[in-house]
Amino acid sequence: MEFASGPPSRWILTLRSGSEIEIWADGYSREGDHYLFDAYVRASPDEQRQVEVTSRSPGSAENVLIVVARVPVAEVEALYGGPVDPDQEAVGSGG
């Protein structure tokens, strides 16, 4: 399985407990009482059976949208993030 649309975006969730969660995904949506974070990937049929597929590309059976995280809305105090410039991320990740 590999990313089908380049590097994912970085999302930071601050939970009501004060903890933070970092999620790498192409995007998110609110579905009922949960935030669903998803990634557009290229996956074989065998790999697709191991994950939750939410959408399929009409052009290729291997290009699918999968859920990478499901977080209860009631647990989230703040959510921010989005696309990351790979050059900026490399500069800030040195330690």
Protein backbone atom coordinates (compact mmCIF):
# COMPACT_ATOMS: atom_id res chain seq x y z
CA MET A 1 0.00 0.00 0.00
CA GLU A 2 1.31 3.46 -0.88
CA PHE A 3 0.01 7.01 -0.94
CA ALA A 4 -1.65 7.74 -4.28
CA SER A 5 -1.64 11.55 -4.10
CA GLY A 6 1.71 12.43 -2.56
CA PRO A 7 2.47 13.10 1.10
CA PRO A 8 -0.56 13.41 3.39
CA SER A 9 -1.47 16.49 5.42
CA ARG A 10 -0.66 16.88 9.10
CA TRP A 11 -3.55 17.34 11.54
CA ILE A 12 -3.19 18.14 15.24
CA LEU A 13 -6.03 17.38 17.63
CA THR A 14 -6.05 18.72 21.16
CA LEU A 15 -8.24 16.49 23.27
CA ARG A 16 -10.37 17.66 26.19
CA SER A 17 -7.93 15.80 28.46
CA GLY A 18 -5.13 18.11 27.26
CA SER A 19 -3.37 15.41 25.25
CA GLU A 20 -2.49 16.02 21.61
CA ILE A 21 -2.78 13.59 18.72
CA GLU A 22 -0.95 14.04 15.42
CA ILE A 23 -2.65 12.39 12.44
CA TRP A 24 -1.27 12.22 8.91
CA ALA A 25 -4.16 12.04 6.42
CA ASP A 26 -5.29 13.64 3.18
CA GLY A 27 -8.34 15.13 4.84
CA TYR A 28 -11.10 14.68 7.36
CA SER A 29 -14.86 14.89 7.60
CA ARG A 30 -17.42 14.77 10.35
CA GLU A 31 -19.64 11.71 10.20
CA GLY A 32 -22.19 11.62 13.00
CA ASP A 33 -20.37 11.82 16.33
CA HIS A 34 -16.89 11.20 14.88
CA TYR A 35 -14.20 12.90 12.85
CA LEU A 36 -13.01 10.54 10.11
CA PHE A 37 -9.49 11.06 8.78
CA ASP A 38 -8.79 9.49 5.41
CA ALA A 39 -5.98 8.87 2.97
CA TYR A 40 -6.03 8.27 -0.77
CA VAL A 41 -3.91 5.19 -1.38
CA ARG A 42 -2.99 2.66 -4.01
CA ALA A 43 -3.76 -0.76 -2.54
CA SER A 44 -4.13 -4.26 -3.90
CA PRO A 45 -7.43 -6.09 -3.41
CA ASP A 46 -5.80 -8.12 -0.60
CA GLU A 47 -4.65 -4.93 1.15
CA GLN A 48 -8.10 -3.37 0.73
CA ARG A 49 -9.66 -6.24 2.67
CA GLN A 50 -7.55 -5.25 5.71
CA VAL A 51 -8.77 -1.62 5.93
CA GLU A 52 -12.00 0.39 5.83
CA VAL A 53 -12.46 1.60 2.25
CA THR A 54 -14.86 4.57 1.99
CA SER A 55 -14.54 5.42 -1.72
CA ARG A 56 -13.11 3.97 -4.91
CA SER A 57 -11.63 5.70 -7.93
CA PRO A 58 -13.61 5.01 -11.12
CA GLY A 59 -10.35 5.01 -13.10
CA SER A 60 -8.47 2.37 -11.11
CA ALA A 61 -9.62 -0.44 -8.84
CA GLU A 62 -6.45 -0.04 -6.77
CA ASN A 63 -6.93 3.69 -5.96
CA VAL A 64 -9.12 3.97 -2.87
CA LEU A 65 -9.89 6.29 0.03
CA ILE A 66 -9.37 4.60 3.41
CA VAL A 67 -10.07 5.60 7.01
CA VAL A 68 -6.83 6.08 8.96
CA ALA A 69 -8.39 7.40 12.18
CA ARG A 70 -11.80 7.82 13.78
CA VAL A 71 -12.01 10.23 16.73
CA PRO A 72 -15.12 11.04 18.79
CA VAL A 73 -16.10 14.70 18.30
CA ALA A 74 -16.96 15.01 22.00
CA GLU A 75 -13.30 14.28 22.90
CA VAL A 76 -11.84 17.03 20.69
CA GLU A 77 -11.17 20.52 22.06
CA ALA A 78 -9.38 21.85 18.95
CA LEU A 79 -8.43 20.58 15.50
CA TYR A 80 -6.03 22.32 13.15
CA GLY A 81 -3.60 21.55 10.37
CA GLY A 82 -3.55 20.84 6.69
CA PRO A 83 -1.06 20.39 3.88
CA VAL A 84 2.59 20.46 4.88
CA ASP A 85 5.40 21.85 2.74
CA PRO A 86 7.95 18.97 2.76
CA ASP A 87 10.86 21.46 2.79
CA GLN A 88 9.55 23.26 5.87
CA GLU A 89 8.82 19.99 7.68
CA ALA A 90 12.38 18.78 7.11
CA VAL A 91 13.83 21.98 8.59
CA GLY A 92 11.75 21.73 11.76
CA SER A 93 12.20 18.04 12.41
CA GLY A 94 15.89 18.01 13.38
CA GLY A 95 15.39 17.52 17.06
